[in-house]
PDB file of all heavy atoms in Angstrom:
ATOM      1  N   ALA A   1      -9.255   9.900  -9.539  1.00  0.00           N
ATOM      2  CA  ALA A   1      -8.848   8.517  -9.441  1.00  0.00           C
ATOM      3  C   ALA A   1      -7.361   8.360  -9.218  1.00  0.00           C
ATOM      4  O   ALA A   1      -6.496   8.067  -9.844  1.00  0.00           O
ATOM      5  CB  ALA A   1      -9.102   7.756 -10.764  1.00  0.00           C
ATOM      6  N   ASP A   2      -7.015   8.920  -7.865  1.00  0.00           N
ATOM      7  CA  ASP A   2      -5.592   8.887  -7.444  1.00  0.00           C
ATOM      8  C   ASP A   2      -5.496   7.699  -6.509  1.00  0.00           C
ATOM      9  O   ASP A   2      -6.196   7.708  -5.362  1.00  0.00           O
ATOM     10  CB  ASP A   2      -5.248  10.194  -6.558  1.00  0.00           C
ATOM     11  CG  ASP A   2      -5.224  11.337  -7.518  1.00  0.00           C
ATOM     12  OD1 ASP A   2      -5.280  11.264  -8.782  1.00  0.00           O
ATOM     13  OD2 ASP A   2      -5.061  12.575  -6.894  1.00  0.00           O
ATOM     14  N   LEU A   3      -4.819   6.612  -6.956  1.00  0.00           N
ATOM     15  CA  LEU A   3      -4.857   5.373  -6.158  1.00  0.00           C
ATOM     16  C   LEU A   3      -3.398   4.720  -5.949  1.00  0.00           C
ATOM     17  O   LEU A   3      -2.584   5.202  -6.914  1.00  0.00           O
ATOM     18  CB  LEU A   3      -5.622   4.305  -7.041  1.00  0.00           C
ATOM     19  CG  LEU A   3      -7.016   4.732  -7.484  1.00  0.00           C
ATOM     20  CD1 LEU A   3      -7.532   3.670  -8.461  1.00  0.00           C
ATOM     21  CD2 LEU A   3      -7.965   4.928  -6.261  1.00  0.00           C
ATOM     22  N   VAL A   4      -3.212   4.063  -4.986  1.00  0.00           N
ATOM     23  CA  VAL A   4      -1.986   3.329  -4.705  1.00  0.00           C
ATOM     24  C   VAL A   4      -2.239   1.908  -4.491  1.00  0.00           C
ATOM     25  O   VAL A   4      -3.051   1.497  -3.614  1.00  0.00           O
ATOM     26  CB  VAL A   4      -1.285   3.983  -3.532  1.00  0.00           C
ATOM     27  CG1 VAL A   4       0.056   3.283  -3.272  1.00  0.00           C
ATOM     28  CG2 VAL A   4      -0.946   5.531  -3.706  1.00  0.00           C
ATOM     29  N   VAL A   5      -1.481   1.000  -5.111  1.00  0.00           N
ATOM     30  CA  VAL A   5      -1.521  -0.443  -4.954  1.00  0.00           C
ATOM     31  C   VAL A   5      -0.443  -0.867  -4.103  1.00  0.00           C
ATOM     32  O   VAL A   5       0.792  -0.511  -4.291  1.00  0.00           O
ATOM     33  CB  VAL A   5      -1.501  -1.235  -6.236  1.00  0.00           C
ATOM     34  CG1 VAL A   5      -1.742  -2.694  -6.002  1.00  0.00           C
ATOM     35  CG2 VAL A   5      -2.608  -0.669  -7.194  1.00  0.00           C
ATOM     36  N   LEU A   6      -0.747  -1.506  -2.922  1.00  0.00           N
ATOM     37  CA  LEU A   6       0.166  -1.830  -2.018  1.00  0.00           C
ATOM     38  C   LEU A   6       0.386  -3.434  -1.905  1.00  0.00           C
ATOM     39  O   LEU A   6      -0.430  -4.197  -2.394  1.00  0.00           O
ATOM     40  CB  LEU A   6      -0.212  -1.547  -0.596  1.00  0.00           C
ATOM     41  CG  LEU A   6      -0.344  -0.085  -0.221  1.00  0.00           C
ATOM     42  CD1 LEU A   6      -0.762   0.208   1.182  1.00  0.00           C
ATOM     43  CD2 LEU A   6       1.027   0.753  -0.588  1.00  0.00           C
ATOM     44  N   SER A   7       1.640  -3.877  -1.429  1.00  0.00           N
ATOM     45  CA  SER A   7       1.849  -5.201  -1.317  1.00  0.00           C
ATOM     46  C   SER A   7       1.006  -6.025  -0.327  1.00  0.00           C
ATOM     47  O   SER A   7       0.885  -7.180  -0.389  1.00  0.00           O
ATOM     48  CB  SER A   7       3.381  -5.489  -1.010  1.00  0.00           C
ATOM     49  OG  SER A   7       3.795  -4.829   0.199  1.00  0.00           O
ATOM     50  N   ASP A   8       0.452  -5.293   0.596  1.00  0.00           N
ATOM     51  CA  ASP A   8      -0.383  -5.963   1.742  1.00  0.00           C
ATOM     52  C   ASP A   8      -1.238  -4.931   2.339  1.00  0.00           C
ATOM     53  O   ASP A   8      -1.172  -3.759   2.050  1.00  0.00           O
ATOM     54  CB  ASP A   8       0.486  -6.712   2.724  1.00  0.00           C
ATOM     55  CG  ASP A   8      -0.113  -7.948   3.356  1.00  0.00           C
ATOM     56  OD1 ASP A   8      -1.354  -7.931   3.396  1.00  0.00           O
ATOM     57  OD2 ASP A   8       0.537  -8.799   3.807  1.00  0.00           O
ATOM     58  N   ASN A   9      -2.194  -5.381   3.227  1.00  0.00           N
ATOM     59  CA  ASN A   9      -3.069  -4.518   3.842  1.00  0.00           C
ATOM     60  C   ASN A   9      -2.553  -3.874   5.169  1.00  0.00           C
ATOM     61  O   ASN A   9      -2.405  -4.652   6.097  1.00  0.00           O
ATOM     62  CB  ASN A   9      -4.334  -5.363   4.134  1.00  0.00           C
ATOM     63  CG  ASN A   9      -5.470  -4.522   4.560  1.00  0.00           C
ATOM     64  OD1 ASN A   9      -5.316  -3.337   5.006  1.00  0.00           O
ATOM     65  ND2 ASN A   9      -6.654  -5.074   4.430  1.00  0.00           N
ATOM     66  N   PRO A  10      -2.362  -2.618   5.202  1.00  0.00           N
ATOM     67  CA  PRO A  10      -1.763  -2.046   6.402  1.00  0.00           C
ATOM     68  C   PRO A  10      -2.827  -2.104   7.675  1.00  0.00           C
ATOM     69  O   PRO A  10      -2.278  -2.005   8.730  1.00  0.00           O
ATOM     70  CB  PRO A  10      -1.592  -0.480   6.063  1.00  0.00           C
ATOM     71  CG  PRO A  10      -2.482  -0.345   4.955  1.00  0.00           C
ATOM     72  CD  PRO A  10      -2.575  -1.625   4.201  1.00  0.00           C
ATOM     73  N   LEU A  11      -4.019  -2.431   7.381  1.00  0.00           N
ATOM     74  CA  LEU A  11      -4.987  -2.408   8.493  1.00  0.00           C
ATOM     75  C   LEU A  11      -5.028  -3.762   9.179  1.00  0.00           C
ATOM     76  O   LEU A  11      -5.536  -3.936  10.336  1.00  0.00           O
ATOM     77  CB  LEU A  11      -6.352  -2.102   7.971  1.00  0.00           C
ATOM     78  CG  LEU A  11      -6.560  -0.826   7.149  1.00  0.00           C
ATOM     79  CD1 LEU A  11      -8.032  -0.525   6.929  1.00  0.00           C
ATOM     80  CD2 LEU A  11      -5.917   0.375   7.859  1.00  0.00           C
ATOM     81  N   THR A  12      -4.463  -4.800   8.496  1.00  0.00           N
ATOM     82  CA  THR A  12      -4.639  -6.163   9.008  1.00  0.00           C
ATOM     83  C   THR A  12      -3.297  -6.940   9.337  1.00  0.00           C
ATOM     84  O   THR A  12      -3.238  -7.825  10.049  1.00  0.00           O
ATOM     85  CB  THR A  12      -5.388  -7.088   8.074  1.00  0.00           C
ATOM     86  OG1 THR A  12      -4.826  -7.025   6.826  1.00  0.00           O
ATOM     87  CG2 THR A  12      -6.823  -6.558   7.831  1.00  0.00           C
ATOM     88  N   ILE A  13      -2.165  -6.451   8.892  1.00  0.00           N
ATOM     89  CA  ILE A  13      -0.996  -7.119   9.064  1.00  0.00           C
ATOM     90  C   ILE A  13      -0.426  -6.685  10.495  1.00  0.00           C
ATOM     91  O   ILE A  13      -0.956  -5.647  11.115  1.00  0.00           O
ATOM     92  CB  ILE A  13       0.202  -6.628   8.050  1.00  0.00           C
ATOM     93  CG1 ILE A  13       0.439  -5.124   8.007  1.00  0.00           C
ATOM     94  CG2 ILE A  13      -0.183  -7.096   6.689  1.00  0.00           C
ATOM     95  CD1 ILE A  13       1.581  -4.688   7.076  1.00  0.00           C
ATOM     96  N   ASP A  14       0.582  -7.236  10.946  1.00  0.00           N
ATOM     97  CA  ASP A  14       1.175  -6.828  12.250  1.00  0.00           C
ATOM     98  C   ASP A  14       1.672  -5.393  12.125  1.00  0.00           C
ATOM     99  O   ASP A  14       2.422  -5.027  11.173  1.00  0.00           O
ATOM    100  CB  ASP A  14       2.490  -7.657  12.342  1.00  0.00           C
ATOM    101  CG  ASP A  14       3.191  -7.477  13.738  1.00  0.00           C
ATOM    102  OD1 ASP A  14       3.005  -6.413  14.351  1.00  0.00           O
ATOM    103  OD2 ASP A  14       4.023  -8.356  14.162  1.00  0.00           O
ATOM    104  N   PRO A  15       1.289  -4.524  13.028  1.00  0.00           N
ATOM    105  CA  PRO A  15       1.710  -3.148  12.978  1.00  0.00           C
ATOM    106  C   PRO A  15       3.197  -2.861  12.802  1.00  0.00           C
ATOM    107  O   PRO A  15       3.632  -1.959  12.152  1.00  0.00           O
ATOM    108  CB  PRO A  15       1.136  -2.528  14.256  1.00  0.00           C
ATOM    109  CG  PRO A  15       0.072  -3.486  14.627  1.00  0.00           C
ATOM    110  CD  PRO A  15       0.438  -4.829  14.165  1.00  0.00           C
ATOM    111  N   GLN A  16       4.007  -3.787  13.337  1.00  0.00           N
ATOM    112  CA  GLN A  16       5.454  -3.663  13.215  1.00  0.00           C
ATOM    113  C   GLN A  16       5.874  -3.883  11.707  1.00  0.00           C
ATOM    114  O   GLN A  16       6.966  -3.444  11.386  1.00  0.00           O
ATOM    115  CB  GLN A  16       6.165  -4.686  14.172  1.00  0.00           C
ATOM    116  CG  GLN A  16       6.230  -4.232  15.522  1.00  0.00           C
ATOM    117  CD  GLN A  16       7.067  -2.944  15.790  1.00  0.00           C
ATOM    118  OE1 GLN A  16       7.781  -2.656  15.070  1.00  0.00           O
ATOM    119  NE2 GLN A  16       6.804  -2.370  16.973  1.00  0.00           N
ATOM    120  N   ALA A  17       5.088  -4.546  10.942  1.00  0.00           N
ATOM    121  CA  ALA A  17       5.462  -4.817   9.569  1.00  0.00           C
ATOM    122  C   ALA A  17       4.978  -3.816   8.584  1.00  0.00           C
ATOM    123  O   ALA A  17       5.244  -3.845   7.335  1.00  0.00           O
ATOM    124  CB  ALA A  17       4.785  -6.196   9.076  1.00  0.00           C
ATOM    125  N   ILE A  18       4.353  -2.720   8.984  1.00  0.00           N
ATOM    126  CA  ILE A  18       3.837  -1.649   8.148  1.00  0.00           C
ATOM    127  C   ILE A  18       4.975  -1.068   7.443  1.00  0.00           C
ATOM    128  O   ILE A  18       4.871  -0.738   6.227  1.00  0.00           O
ATOM    129  CB  ILE A  18       3.016  -0.637   8.947  1.00  0.00           C
ATOM    130  CG1 ILE A  18       1.622  -1.188   9.381  1.00  0.00           C
ATOM    131  CG2 ILE A  18       2.787   0.620   8.192  1.00  0.00           C
ATOM    132  CD1 ILE A  18       0.844  -0.314  10.406  1.00  0.00           C
ATOM    133  N   LYS A  19       6.181  -0.921   8.046  1.00  0.00           N
ATOM    134  CA  LYS A  19       7.272  -0.199   7.432  1.00  0.00           C
ATOM    135  C   LYS A  19       7.832  -1.101   6.268  1.00  0.00           C
ATOM    136  O   LYS A  19       8.627  -0.547   5.549  1.00  0.00           O
ATOM    137  CB  LYS A  19       8.333   0.074   8.463  1.00  0.00           C
ATOM    138  CG  LYS A  19       9.091  -1.157   9.031  1.00  0.00           C
ATOM    139  CD  LYS A  19      10.122  -0.755  10.132  1.00  0.00           C
ATOM    140  CE  LYS A  19      10.912  -1.862  10.579  1.00  0.00           C
ATOM    141  NZ  LYS A  19      10.049  -3.017  11.074  1.00  0.00           N
ATOM    142  N   ASP A  20       7.549  -2.325   6.266  1.00  0.00           N
ATOM    143  CA  ASP A  20       8.001  -3.216   5.207  1.00  0.00           C
ATOM    144  C   ASP A  20       7.062  -3.338   3.963  1.00  0.00           C
ATOM    145  O   ASP A  20       7.359  -4.026   3.031  1.00  0.00           O
ATOM    146  CB  ASP A  20       8.230  -4.633   5.774  1.00  0.00           C
ATOM    147  CG  ASP A  20       9.150  -4.593   6.932  1.00  0.00           C
ATOM    148  OD1 ASP A  20      10.204  -3.951   6.873  1.00  0.00           O
ATOM    149  OD2 ASP A  20       8.871  -5.282   7.963  1.00  0.00           O
ATOM    150  N   LEU A  21       5.993  -2.670   4.081  1.00  0.00           N
ATOM    151  CA  LEU A  21       5.097  -2.572   2.899  1.00  0.00           C
ATOM    152  C   LEU A  21       5.767  -1.876   1.722  1.00  0.00           C
ATOM    153  O   LEU A  21       6.591  -1.106   1.834  1.00  0.00           O
ATOM    154  CB  LEU A  21       3.767  -1.892   3.274  1.00  0.00           C
ATOM    155  CG  LEU A  21       2.781  -2.503   4.223  1.00  0.00           C
ATOM    156  CD1 LEU A  21       1.666  -1.510   4.616  1.00  0.00           C
ATOM    157  CD2 LEU A  21       2.135  -3.746   3.541  1.00  0.00           C
ATOM    158  N   VAL A  22       5.373  -2.368   0.620  1.00  0.00           N
ATOM    159  CA  VAL A  22       5.880  -1.807  -0.672  1.00  0.00           C
ATOM    160  C   VAL A  22       4.821  -1.240  -1.629  1.00  0.00           C
ATOM    161  O   VAL A  22       3.730  -1.931  -1.696  1.00  0.00           O
ATOM    162  CB  VAL A  22       6.665  -2.987  -1.450  1.00  0.00           C
ATOM    163  CG1 VAL A  22       7.096  -2.504  -2.793  1.00  0.00           C
ATOM    164  CG2 VAL A  22       7.849  -3.517  -0.612  1.00  0.00           C
ATOM    165  N   VAL A  23       5.108  -0.040  -2.226  1.00  0.00           N
ATOM    166  CA  VAL A  23       4.206   0.521  -3.200  1.00  0.00           C
ATOM    167  C   VAL A  23       4.426  -0.278  -4.517  1.00  0.00           C
ATOM    168  O   VAL A  23       5.649  -0.194  -5.045  1.00  0.00           O
ATOM    169  CB  VAL A  23       4.501   2.072  -3.353  1.00  0.00           C
ATOM    170  CG1 VAL A  23       3.670   2.602  -4.548  1.00  0.00           C
ATOM    171  CG2 VAL A  23       4.178   2.760  -2.109  1.00  0.00           C
ATOM    172  N   LEU A  24       3.393  -0.855  -5.096  1.00  0.00           N
ATOM    173  CA  LEU A  24       3.566  -1.589  -6.347  1.00  0.00           C
ATOM    174  C   LEU A  24       3.194  -0.776  -7.512  1.00  0.00           C
ATOM    175  O   LEU A  24       3.675  -0.930  -8.562  1.00  0.00           O
ATOM    176  CB  LEU A  24       2.633  -2.823  -6.248  1.00  0.00           C
ATOM    177  CG  LEU A  24       2.896  -3.975  -5.094  1.00  0.00           C
ATOM    178  CD1 LEU A  24       1.949  -5.021  -5.225  1.00  0.00           C
ATOM    179  CD2 LEU A  24       4.316  -4.356  -5.199  1.00  0.00           C
ATOM    180  N   GLU A  25       2.188   0.116  -7.212  1.00  0.00           N
ATOM    181  CA  GLU A  25       1.776   0.970  -8.417  1.00  0.00           C
ATOM    182  C   GLU A  25       1.198   2.312  -7.841  1.00  0.00           C
ATOM    183  O   GLU A  25       0.447   2.226  -6.798  1.00  0.00           O
ATOM    184  CB  GLU A  25       0.776   0.161  -9.181  1.00  0.00           C
ATOM    185  CG  GLU A  25       0.334   0.873 -10.493  1.00  0.00           C
ATOM    186  CD  GLU A  25      -0.590   0.145 -11.425  1.00  0.00           C
ATOM    187  OE1 GLU A  25      -0.870  -1.054 -10.945  1.00  0.00           O
ATOM    188  OE2 GLU A  25      -1.009   0.553 -12.442  1.00  0.00           O
ATOM    189  N   THR A  26       1.465   3.306  -8.577  1.00  0.00           N
ATOM    190  CA  THR A  26       0.873   4.664  -8.226  1.00  0.00           C
ATOM    191  C   THR A  26       0.076   5.167  -9.376  1.00  0.00           C
ATOM    192  O   THR A  26       0.616   5.139 -10.486  1.00  0.00           O
ATOM    193  CB  THR A  26       1.845   5.633  -7.754  1.00  0.00           C
ATOM    194  OG1 THR A  26       2.503   5.155  -6.697  1.00  0.00           O
ATOM    195  CG2 THR A  26       1.258   6.973  -7.340  1.00  0.00           C
ATOM    196  N   ILE A  27      -1.247   5.549  -9.218  1.00  0.00           N
ATOM    197  CA  ILE A  27      -2.172   5.897 -10.328  1.00  0.00           C
ATOM    198  C   ILE A  27      -2.497   7.397 -10.065  1.00  0.00           C
ATOM    199  O   ILE A  27      -3.055   7.687  -9.005  1.00  0.00           O
ATOM    200  CB  ILE A  27      -3.334   4.901 -10.452  1.00  0.00           C
ATOM    201  CG1 ILE A  27      -2.734   3.548 -10.620  1.00  0.00           C
ATOM    202  CG2 ILE A  27      -4.271   5.449 -11.477  1.00  0.00           C
ATOM    203  CD1 ILE A  27      -3.706   2.466 -10.092  1.00  0.00           C
ATOM    204  N   LYS A  28      -2.350   8.154 -10.997  1.00  0.00           N
ATOM    205  CA  LYS A  28      -2.717   9.619 -10.927  1.00  0.00           C
ATOM    206  C   LYS A  28      -3.872   9.812 -11.915  1.00  0.00           C
ATOM    207  O   LYS A  28      -3.589   9.793 -13.122  1.00  0.00           O
ATOM    208  CB  LYS A  28      -1.599  10.494 -11.092  1.00  0.00           C
ATOM    209  CG  LYS A  28      -2.018  12.055 -10.985  1.00  0.00           C
ATOM    210  CD  LYS A  28      -2.315  12.375  -9.560  1.00  0.00           C
ATOM    211  CE  LYS A  28      -2.569  13.964  -9.465  1.00  0.00           C
ATOM    212  NZ  LYS A  28      -3.958  14.116  -9.128  1.00  0.00           N
ATOM    213  N   GLU A  29      -5.057  10.089 -11.498  1.00  0.00           N
ATOM    214  CA  GLU A  29      -6.299  10.418 -12.283  1.00  0.00           C
ATOM    215  C   GLU A  29      -6.364   9.348 -13.354  1.00  0.00           C
ATOM    216  O   GLU A  29      -6.593   9.629 -14.553  1.00  0.00           O
ATOM    217  CB  GLU A  29      -6.072  11.828 -12.901  1.00  0.00           C
ATOM    218  CG  GLU A  29      -6.120  12.933 -11.875  1.00  0.00           C
ATOM    219  CD  GLU A  29      -5.851  14.387 -12.306  1.00  0.00           C
ATOM    220  OE1 GLU A  29      -6.230  14.708 -13.609  1.00  0.00           O
ATOM    221  OE2 GLU A  29      -5.406  15.095 -11.572  1.00  0.00           O
ATOM    222  N   GLY A  30      -6.277   8.160 -12.901  1.00  0.00           N
ATOM    223  CA  GLY A  30      -6.494   6.985 -13.814  1.00  0.00           C
ATOM    224  C   GLY A  30      -5.412   6.486 -14.507  1.00  0.00           C
ATOM    225  O   GLY A  30      -5.485   5.484 -15.202  1.00  0.00           O
TER     226      GLY A  30
END
């Protein structure tokens, strides 16, 4: 259960905005 919560969806936002995404939470093995 290695998971990352992001501020938005990199698959649906403007590709130019991907660099502005923010990691909100990182989860290692739950």
